[in-house]
């Protein structure tokens, strides 16, 4: 199941996610690739996106991952990390990465599940490295704000 970690992307992190998605589409011969957070927010997307309702696809993929996580819990599994959906003209490979991110690859007859899985595993390691780098950067930031009381707020607005 996806974790509850939320994060804010710097411009360089966003570009790094985009580069991973772009490279995955090219190397896997995919139609599109998405990197999503646990809520289905698109962190990066690449490929044939025109005419595709990317927001709905991302939201449904995240919901699917959450439902699959719940099924894993029922079966006393830690997680089911990969899913595959086969259609007549399009297929979807979904992969949980670091329990924080969902990697989604849409592909057709130009590719194969084996190739997509191989390239997705490479992309997974790049994403994990990027997430680790982001975690290190965020640990250098000041931790939260000092506690603000109702009295502090009253003083602020009564002055």
N, C-alpha and C. Protein backbone atom coordinates (compact mmCIF):
# COMPACT_ATOMS: atom_id res chain seq x y z
N UNK A 1 0.85 -1.16 0.00
CA UNK A 1 0.00 0.00 0.00
C UNK A 1 0.90 1.23 0.00
N UNK A 2 0.43 2.25 -0.64
CA UNK A 2 1.20 3.49 -0.70
C UNK A 2 1.24 4.13 0.68
N UNK A 3 2.38 4.74 0.98
CA UNK A 3 2.57 5.37 2.28
C UNK A 3 1.83 6.68 2.37
N UNK A 4 2.03 7.36 3.49
CA UNK A 4 1.34 8.63 3.69
C UNK A 4 2.28 9.81 3.54
N UNK A 5 3.43 9.58 2.95
CA UNK A 5 4.39 10.66 2.76
C UNK A 5 3.95 11.59 1.63
N UNK A 6 3.88 12.86 1.94
CA UNK A 6 3.64 13.87 0.93
C UNK A 6 4.93 14.65 0.80
N UNK A 7 5.19 15.14 -0.38
CA UNK A 7 6.41 15.91 -0.55
C UNK A 7 6.19 17.00 -1.58
N UNK A 8 7.02 18.00 -1.48
CA UNK A 8 6.98 19.11 -2.42
C UNK A 8 8.20 18.98 -3.32
N UNK A 9 7.96 19.08 -4.61
CA UNK A 9 9.05 18.93 -5.57
C UNK A 9 9.73 20.25 -5.85
N UNK A 10 11.04 20.22 -5.83
CA UNK A 10 11.78 21.37 -6.32
C UNK A 10 11.76 21.29 -7.84
N UNK A 11 12.14 22.36 -8.48
CA UNK A 11 12.17 22.37 -9.95
C UNK A 11 13.12 21.29 -10.48
N UNK A 12 14.26 21.13 -9.82
CA UNK A 12 15.22 20.12 -10.29
C UNK A 12 14.70 18.70 -10.07
N UNK A 13 13.97 18.48 -8.96
CA UNK A 13 13.38 17.16 -8.72
C UNK A 13 12.29 16.87 -9.77
N UNK A 14 11.48 17.86 -10.07
CA UNK A 14 10.43 17.68 -11.09
C UNK A 14 11.05 17.34 -12.44
N UNK A 15 12.13 18.03 -12.78
CA UNK A 15 12.82 17.74 -14.06
C UNK A 15 13.41 16.33 -14.05
N UNK A 16 13.93 15.91 -12.90
CA UNK A 16 14.50 14.57 -12.80
C UNK A 16 13.42 13.50 -12.98
N UNK A 17 12.25 13.70 -12.35
CA UNK A 17 11.13 12.76 -12.55
C UNK A 17 10.72 12.74 -14.02
N UNK A 18 10.63 13.93 -14.64
CA UNK A 18 10.26 14.00 -16.07
C UNK A 18 11.25 13.23 -16.93
N UNK A 19 12.54 13.37 -16.63
CA UNK A 19 13.57 12.67 -17.41
C UNK A 19 13.42 11.16 -17.27
N UNK A 20 13.12 10.69 -16.07
CA UNK A 20 12.93 9.26 -15.86
C UNK A 20 11.74 8.76 -16.67
N UNK A 21 10.63 9.49 -16.62
CA UNK A 21 9.43 9.09 -17.37
C UNK A 21 9.70 9.10 -18.87
N UNK A 22 10.39 10.12 -19.36
CA UNK A 22 10.70 10.22 -20.78
C UNK A 22 11.60 9.06 -21.23
N UNK A 23 12.63 8.77 -20.44
CA UNK A 23 13.54 7.68 -20.78
C UNK A 23 12.81 6.33 -20.75
N UNK A 24 11.91 6.16 -19.80
CA UNK A 24 11.16 4.91 -19.70
C UNK A 24 10.29 4.69 -20.94
N UNK A 25 9.60 5.72 -21.38
CA UNK A 25 8.78 5.59 -22.59
C UNK A 25 9.65 5.17 -23.78
N UNK A 26 10.78 5.83 -23.92
CA UNK A 26 11.66 5.54 -25.06
C UNK A 26 12.22 4.12 -24.99
N UNK A 27 12.73 3.74 -23.83
CA UNK A 27 13.40 2.44 -23.71
C UNK A 27 12.42 1.27 -23.68
N UNK A 28 11.22 1.48 -23.16
CA UNK A 28 10.24 0.40 -23.07
C UNK A 28 9.35 0.34 -24.30
N UNK A 29 9.55 1.28 -25.22
CA UNK A 29 8.68 1.39 -26.41
C UNK A 29 7.23 1.56 -25.98
N UNK A 30 7.03 2.35 -24.93
CA UNK A 30 5.70 2.56 -24.38
C UNK A 30 4.97 3.69 -25.06
N UNK A 31 3.69 3.75 -24.82
CA UNK A 31 2.88 4.87 -25.30
C UNK A 31 2.98 6.04 -24.34
N UNK A 32 3.00 5.75 -23.03
CA UNK A 32 3.07 6.81 -22.03
C UNK A 32 3.60 6.23 -20.73
N UNK A 33 4.18 7.11 -19.93
CA UNK A 33 4.64 6.72 -18.59
C UNK A 33 4.27 7.84 -17.62
N UNK A 34 3.89 7.45 -16.43
CA UNK A 34 3.50 8.39 -15.38
C UNK A 34 4.20 8.02 -14.09
N UNK A 35 4.60 9.03 -13.35
CA UNK A 35 5.07 8.84 -11.98
C UNK A 35 4.09 9.62 -11.12
N UNK A 36 3.44 8.91 -10.19
CA UNK A 36 2.35 9.48 -9.40
C UNK A 36 2.66 9.41 -7.92
N UNK A 37 2.11 10.35 -7.15
CA UNK A 37 2.19 10.21 -5.70
C UNK A 37 1.03 9.34 -5.24
N UNK A 38 0.94 9.07 -3.94
CA UNK A 38 -0.06 8.14 -3.43
C UNK A 38 -1.49 8.64 -3.60
N UNK A 39 -1.67 9.93 -3.84
CA UNK A 39 -3.00 10.48 -4.04
C UNK A 39 -3.41 10.53 -5.51
N UNK A 40 -2.51 10.10 -6.38
CA UNK A 40 -2.80 10.14 -7.81
C UNK A 40 -2.40 11.44 -8.47
N UNK A 41 -1.65 12.28 -7.76
CA UNK A 41 -1.15 13.51 -8.36
C UNK A 41 0.01 13.15 -9.29
N UNK A 42 0.01 13.71 -10.46
CA UNK A 42 1.04 13.40 -11.44
C UNK A 42 2.31 14.19 -11.11
N UNK A 43 3.37 13.45 -10.81
CA UNK A 43 4.67 14.06 -10.57
C UNK A 43 5.41 14.24 -11.89
N UNK A 44 5.17 13.31 -12.83
CA UNK A 44 5.79 13.39 -14.15
C UNK A 44 4.97 12.55 -15.12
N UNK A 45 4.97 12.98 -16.37
CA UNK A 45 4.28 12.24 -17.42
C UNK A 45 5.03 12.45 -18.73
N UNK A 46 5.04 11.42 -19.55
CA UNK A 46 5.72 11.53 -20.83
C UNK A 46 5.05 10.59 -21.82
N UNK A 47 5.18 10.92 -23.08
CA UNK A 47 4.66 10.04 -24.13
C UNK A 47 3.47 10.64 -24.85
N UNK A 48 2.64 9.76 -25.38
CA UNK A 48 1.47 10.14 -26.17
C UNK A 48 0.33 10.51 -25.21
N UNK A 49 0.30 11.78 -24.81
CA UNK A 49 -0.65 12.21 -23.79
C UNK A 49 -1.85 12.95 -24.35
N UNK A 50 -1.77 13.41 -25.59
CA UNK A 50 -2.88 14.18 -26.17
C UNK A 50 -4.12 13.30 -26.29
N UNK A 51 -5.25 13.86 -25.88
CA UNK A 51 -6.51 13.14 -25.97
C UNK A 51 -6.71 12.15 -24.83
N UNK A 52 -5.75 12.07 -23.93
CA UNK A 52 -5.82 11.15 -22.80
C UNK A 52 -6.21 11.94 -21.55
N UNK A 53 -7.20 11.47 -20.82
CA UNK A 53 -7.60 12.11 -19.57
C UNK A 53 -6.63 11.65 -18.49
N UNK A 54 -5.50 12.33 -18.43
CA UNK A 54 -4.41 11.92 -17.55
C UNK A 54 -4.80 12.03 -16.08
N UNK A 55 -5.59 13.03 -15.74
CA UNK A 55 -5.99 13.21 -14.34
C UNK A 55 -6.84 12.04 -13.87
N UNK A 56 -7.82 11.65 -14.67
CA UNK A 56 -8.66 10.51 -14.30
C UNK A 56 -7.86 9.22 -14.26
N UNK A 57 -6.99 9.02 -15.24
CA UNK A 57 -6.17 7.82 -15.27
C UNK A 57 -5.30 7.74 -14.01
N UNK A 58 -4.68 8.85 -13.65
CA UNK A 58 -3.81 8.88 -12.47
C UNK A 58 -4.60 8.62 -11.19
N UNK A 59 -5.76 9.23 -11.07
CA UNK A 59 -6.59 9.06 -9.88
C UNK A 59 -7.06 7.61 -9.76
N UNK A 60 -7.50 7.04 -10.87
CA UNK A 60 -7.96 5.65 -10.86
C UNK A 60 -6.82 4.68 -10.57
N UNK A 61 -5.63 4.97 -11.10
CA UNK A 61 -4.47 4.11 -10.83
C UNK A 61 -4.13 4.13 -9.34
N UNK A 62 -4.17 5.30 -8.73
CA UNK A 62 -3.89 5.40 -7.29
C UNK A 62 -4.94 4.66 -6.48
N UNK A 63 -6.21 4.78 -6.88
CA UNK A 63 -7.27 4.04 -6.21
C UNK A 63 -7.11 2.55 -6.36
N UNK A 64 -6.70 2.14 -7.54
CA UNK A 64 -6.44 0.72 -7.80
C UNK A 64 -5.30 0.22 -6.91
N UNK A 65 -4.24 1.01 -6.80
CA UNK A 65 -3.11 0.63 -5.95
C UNK A 65 -3.55 0.54 -4.48
N UNK A 66 -4.38 1.45 -4.04
CA UNK A 66 -4.87 1.42 -2.66
C UNK A 66 -5.74 0.18 -2.43
N UNK A 67 -6.61 -0.14 -3.38
CA UNK A 67 -7.45 -1.33 -3.25
C UNK A 67 -6.60 -2.59 -3.25
N UNK A 68 -5.60 -2.63 -4.09
CA UNK A 68 -4.71 -3.78 -4.14
C UNK A 68 -3.93 -3.92 -2.83
N UNK A 69 -3.54 -2.78 -2.25
CA UNK A 69 -2.87 -2.81 -0.95
C UNK A 69 -3.77 -3.39 0.13
N UNK A 70 -5.04 -3.05 0.07
CA UNK A 70 -6.00 -3.58 1.04
C UNK A 70 -6.16 -5.10 0.85
N UNK A 71 -6.19 -5.55 -0.40
CA UNK A 71 -6.27 -6.99 -0.66
C UNK A 71 -5.03 -7.70 -0.12
N UNK A 72 -3.87 -7.08 -0.30
CA UNK A 72 -2.63 -7.66 0.22
C UNK A 72 -2.71 -7.80 1.74
N UNK A 73 -3.23 -6.79 2.40
CA UNK A 73 -3.37 -6.84 3.87
C UNK A 73 -4.27 -7.99 4.29
N UNK A 74 -5.38 -8.17 3.59
CA UNK A 74 -6.30 -9.26 3.91
C UNK A 74 -5.60 -10.61 3.81
N UNK A 75 -4.70 -10.72 2.83
CA UNK A 75 -3.98 -11.98 2.62
C UNK A 75 -2.67 -12.04 3.42
N UNK A 76 -2.50 -11.05 4.31
CA UNK A 76 -1.32 -10.96 5.16
C UNK A 76 -0.02 -10.82 4.35
N UNK A 77 -0.14 -10.16 3.23
CA UNK A 77 1.02 -9.81 2.42
C UNK A 77 1.39 -8.38 2.75
N UNK A 78 2.66 -8.05 2.64
CA UNK A 78 3.09 -6.67 2.89
C UNK A 78 2.52 -5.76 1.80
N UNK A 79 2.62 -6.21 0.55
CA UNK A 79 2.11 -5.44 -0.59
C UNK A 79 2.17 -6.31 -1.83
N UNK A 80 1.35 -5.98 -2.81
CA UNK A 80 1.50 -6.49 -4.17
C UNK A 80 2.11 -5.32 -4.93
N UNK A 81 3.34 -5.44 -5.32
CA UNK A 81 4.06 -4.29 -5.85
C UNK A 81 3.85 -4.05 -7.33
N UNK A 82 3.39 -5.05 -8.07
CA UNK A 82 3.16 -4.84 -9.49
C UNK A 82 1.78 -5.34 -9.90
N UNK A 83 1.24 -4.68 -10.92
CA UNK A 83 -0.03 -5.08 -11.50
C UNK A 83 0.08 -4.96 -13.02
N UNK A 84 -0.68 -5.78 -13.70
CA UNK A 84 -0.70 -5.74 -15.16
C UNK A 84 -2.14 -5.85 -15.62
N UNK A 85 -2.53 -4.95 -16.52
CA UNK A 85 -3.87 -4.96 -17.10
C UNK A 85 -3.71 -5.07 -18.61
N UNK A 86 -4.35 -6.07 -19.19
CA UNK A 86 -4.23 -6.31 -20.63
C UNK A 86 -5.54 -5.98 -21.32
N UNK A 87 -5.46 -5.15 -22.35
CA UNK A 87 -6.62 -4.80 -23.14
C UNK A 87 -6.43 -5.23 -24.58
N UNK A 88 -7.39 -4.89 -25.44
CA UNK A 88 -7.28 -5.25 -26.85
C UNK A 88 -6.20 -4.46 -27.56
N UNK A 89 -6.10 -3.16 -27.24
CA UNK A 89 -5.10 -2.35 -27.93
C UNK A 89 -4.12 -1.66 -26.99
N UNK A 90 -4.43 -1.60 -25.71
CA UNK A 90 -3.53 -0.97 -24.74
C UNK A 90 -3.40 -1.86 -23.51
N UNK A 91 -2.22 -1.81 -22.92
CA UNK A 91 -1.93 -2.54 -21.70
C UNK A 91 -1.36 -1.56 -20.69
N UNK A 92 -1.49 -1.91 -19.40
CA UNK A 92 -0.96 -1.06 -18.34
C UNK A 92 -0.12 -1.91 -17.40
N UNK A 93 1.06 -1.43 -17.13
CA UNK A 93 1.92 -2.01 -16.09
C UNK A 93 2.02 -0.97 -14.99
N UNK A 94 1.66 -1.36 -13.75
CA UNK A 94 1.76 -0.45 -12.61
C UNK A 94 2.70 -1.07 -11.60
N UNK A 95 3.53 -0.22 -11.02
CA UNK A 95 4.53 -0.70 -10.06
C UNK A 95 4.64 0.27 -8.90
N UNK A 96 4.54 -0.26 -7.71
CA UNK A 96 4.73 0.53 -6.49
C UNK A 96 6.23 0.70 -6.27
N UNK A 97 6.64 1.94 -6.04
CA UNK A 97 8.06 2.25 -5.86
C UNK A 97 8.26 2.87 -4.48
N UNK A 98 9.01 2.17 -3.64
CA UNK A 98 9.33 2.72 -2.33
C UNK A 98 8.14 3.02 -1.46
N UNK A 99 7.03 2.37 -1.69
CA UNK A 99 5.79 2.57 -0.94
C UNK A 99 5.36 4.04 -0.89
N UNK A 100 5.84 4.84 -1.84
CA UNK A 100 5.51 6.27 -1.88
C UNK A 100 5.05 6.73 -3.25
N UNK A 101 5.46 6.03 -4.26
CA UNK A 101 5.25 6.48 -5.63
C UNK A 101 4.73 5.32 -6.46
N UNK A 102 3.90 5.64 -7.43
CA UNK A 102 3.37 4.64 -8.35
C UNK A 102 3.89 4.95 -9.74
N UNK A 103 4.46 3.95 -10.37
CA UNK A 103 4.97 4.06 -11.73
C UNK A 103 3.98 3.36 -12.65
N UNK A 104 3.53 4.05 -13.66
CA UNK A 104 2.50 3.54 -14.57
C UNK A 104 3.03 3.63 -15.99
N UNK A 105 2.99 2.51 -16.72
CA UNK A 105 3.42 2.49 -18.12
C UNK A 105 2.26 1.97 -18.96
N UNK A 106 1.86 2.76 -19.95
CA UNK A 106 0.85 2.35 -20.91
C UNK A 106 1.60 1.93 -22.17
N UNK A 107 1.27 0.74 -22.69
CA UNK A 107 1.97 0.26 -23.88
C UNK A 107 1.03 -0.56 -24.75
N UNK A 108 1.46 -0.81 -25.98
CA UNK A 108 0.64 -1.56 -26.93
C UNK A 108 1.48 -2.65 -27.58
N UNK A 109 1.06 -3.09 -28.77
CA UNK A 109 1.72 -4.20 -29.47
C UNK A 109 3.17 -3.91 -29.85
N UNK A 110 3.58 -2.65 -29.83
CA UNK A 110 4.97 -2.30 -30.19
C UNK A 110 5.96 -2.75 -29.13
N UNK A 111 5.47 -3.10 -27.95
CA UNK A 111 6.33 -3.51 -26.85
C UNK A 111 5.83 -4.83 -26.29
N UNK A 112 6.48 -5.29 -25.23
CA UNK A 112 6.06 -6.52 -24.56
C UNK A 112 6.11 -6.30 -23.06
N UNK A 113 5.37 -7.11 -22.35
CA UNK A 113 5.36 -7.00 -20.89
C UNK A 113 6.77 -7.21 -20.34
N UNK A 114 7.51 -8.15 -20.89
CA UNK A 114 8.87 -8.41 -20.41
C UNK A 114 9.77 -7.19 -20.54
N UNK A 115 9.71 -6.53 -21.69
CA UNK A 115 10.53 -5.33 -21.90
C UNK A 115 10.09 -4.21 -20.96
N UNK A 116 8.80 -4.02 -20.83
CA UNK A 116 8.29 -2.97 -19.94
C UNK A 116 8.72 -3.23 -18.51
N UNK A 117 8.59 -4.47 -18.05
CA UNK A 117 8.98 -4.80 -16.67
C UNK A 117 10.47 -4.57 -16.45
N UNK A 118 11.30 -4.96 -17.42
CA UNK A 118 12.75 -4.76 -17.31
C UNK A 118 13.08 -3.28 -17.21
N UNK A 119 12.51 -2.48 -18.09
CA UNK A 119 12.80 -1.04 -18.08
C UNK A 119 12.18 -0.35 -16.86
N UNK A 120 11.03 -0.84 -16.41
CA UNK A 120 10.41 -0.26 -15.21
C UNK A 120 11.28 -0.52 -13.98
N UNK A 121 11.92 -1.68 -13.91
CA UNK A 121 12.81 -1.96 -12.78
C UNK A 121 13.99 -0.99 -12.77
N UNK A 122 14.51 -0.67 -13.94
CA UNK A 122 15.60 0.33 -14.02
C UNK A 122 15.10 1.70 -13.57
N UNK A 123 13.93 2.06 -14.04
CA UNK A 123 13.35 3.35 -13.65
C UNK A 123 13.07 3.38 -12.15
N UNK A 124 12.65 2.24 -11.61
CA UNK A 124 12.38 2.15 -10.18
C UNK A 124 13.62 2.54 -9.37
N UNK A 125 14.78 2.03 -9.75
CA UNK A 125 15.99 2.34 -9.01
C UNK A 125 16.32 3.83 -9.10
N UNK A 126 16.12 4.42 -10.25
CA UNK A 126 16.36 5.86 -10.41
C UNK A 126 15.40 6.66 -9.54
N UNK A 127 14.15 6.23 -9.48
CA UNK A 127 13.16 6.92 -8.64
C UNK A 127 13.54 6.79 -7.17
N UNK A 128 13.94 5.59 -6.75
CA UNK A 128 14.35 5.39 -5.37
C UNK A 128 15.54 6.28 -5.01
N UNK A 129 16.50 6.38 -5.93
CA UNK A 129 17.66 7.25 -5.70
C UNK A 129 17.23 8.70 -5.55
N UNK A 130 16.30 9.12 -6.41
CA UNK A 130 15.81 10.50 -6.36
C UNK A 130 15.05 10.75 -5.06
N UNK A 131 14.20 9.81 -4.65
CA UNK A 131 13.47 9.96 -3.39
C UNK A 131 14.42 10.05 -2.21
N UNK A 132 15.47 9.25 -2.23
CA UNK A 132 16.46 9.30 -1.15
C UNK A 132 17.15 10.66 -1.12
N UNK A 133 17.49 11.17 -2.29
CA UNK A 133 18.11 12.49 -2.37
C UNK A 133 17.16 13.57 -1.85
N UNK A 134 15.89 13.46 -2.21
CA UNK A 134 14.90 14.43 -1.73
C UNK A 134 14.76 14.36 -0.21
N UNK A 135 14.78 13.14 0.33
CA UNK A 135 14.69 12.98 1.79
C UNK A 135 15.88 13.63 2.48
N UNK A 136 17.06 13.46 1.91
CA UNK A 136 18.26 14.07 2.51
C UNK A 136 18.17 15.58 2.46
N UNK A 137 17.68 16.12 1.34
CA UNK A 137 17.54 17.57 1.21
C UNK A 137 16.53 18.11 2.21
N UNK A 138 15.42 17.40 2.39
CA UNK A 138 14.39 17.89 3.30
C UNK A 138 14.83 17.78 4.76
N UNK A 139 15.74 16.86 5.06
CA UNK A 139 16.21 16.75 6.44
C UNK A 139 17.09 17.93 6.83
N UNK A 140 17.59 18.67 5.83
CA UNK A 140 18.41 19.85 6.09
C UNK A 140 17.56 21.09 6.36
N UNK A 141 16.25 21.01 6.10
CA UNK A 141 15.36 22.16 6.30
C UNK A 141 14.98 22.28 7.76
N UNK A 142 14.66 23.51 8.23
CA UNK A 142 14.20 23.67 9.61
C UNK A 142 12.93 22.86 9.84
N UNK A 143 12.78 22.30 11.00
CA UNK A 143 11.64 21.45 11.33
C UNK A 143 10.46 22.28 11.82
N UNK A 144 9.48 22.49 10.96
CA UNK A 144 8.23 23.13 11.34
C UNK A 144 8.37 24.53 11.89
N UNK A 145 7.29 25.02 12.38
CA UNK A 145 7.26 26.34 12.99
C UNK A 145 7.12 26.17 14.49
N UNK A 146 7.57 27.15 15.26
CA UNK A 146 7.33 27.07 16.70
C UNK A 146 5.83 27.06 16.95
N UNK A 147 5.43 26.51 18.06
CA UNK A 147 4.01 26.42 18.39
C UNK A 147 3.40 27.82 18.47
N UNK A 148 2.30 27.99 17.76
CA UNK A 148 1.57 29.26 17.79
C UNK A 148 0.29 29.01 18.57
N UNK A 149 0.07 29.82 19.57
CA UNK A 149 -1.11 29.65 20.43
C UNK A 149 -2.24 30.57 19.97
N UNK A 150 -3.43 30.32 20.47
CA UNK A 150 -4.57 31.19 20.20
C UNK A 150 -4.28 32.60 20.73
N UNK A 151 -3.59 32.67 21.85
CA UNK A 151 -3.24 33.97 22.43
C UNK A 151 -2.33 34.75 21.48
N UNK A 152 -1.38 34.07 20.84
CA UNK A 152 -0.50 34.74 19.87
C UNK A 152 -1.30 35.30 18.70
N UNK A 153 -2.26 34.53 18.24
CA UNK A 153 -3.09 34.98 17.11
C UNK A 153 -3.95 36.17 17.54
N UNK A 154 -4.54 36.11 18.73
CA UNK A 154 -5.34 37.23 19.23
C UNK A 154 -4.51 38.50 19.31
N UNK A 155 -3.30 38.37 19.85
CA UNK A 155 -2.42 39.55 19.96
C UNK A 155 -2.10 40.11 18.57
N UNK A 156 -1.88 39.25 17.63
CA UNK A 156 -1.54 39.68 16.27
C UNK A 156 -2.67 40.49 15.65
N UNK A 157 -3.91 40.04 15.81
CA UNK A 157 -5.03 40.71 15.17
C UNK A 157 -5.64 41.82 16.02
N UNK A 158 -5.35 41.88 17.29
CA UNK A 158 -5.88 42.94 18.15
C UNK A 158 -4.99 44.16 18.19
N UNK A 159 -3.80 44.05 17.70
CA UNK A 159 -2.88 45.20 17.73
C UNK A 159 -3.17 46.17 16.62
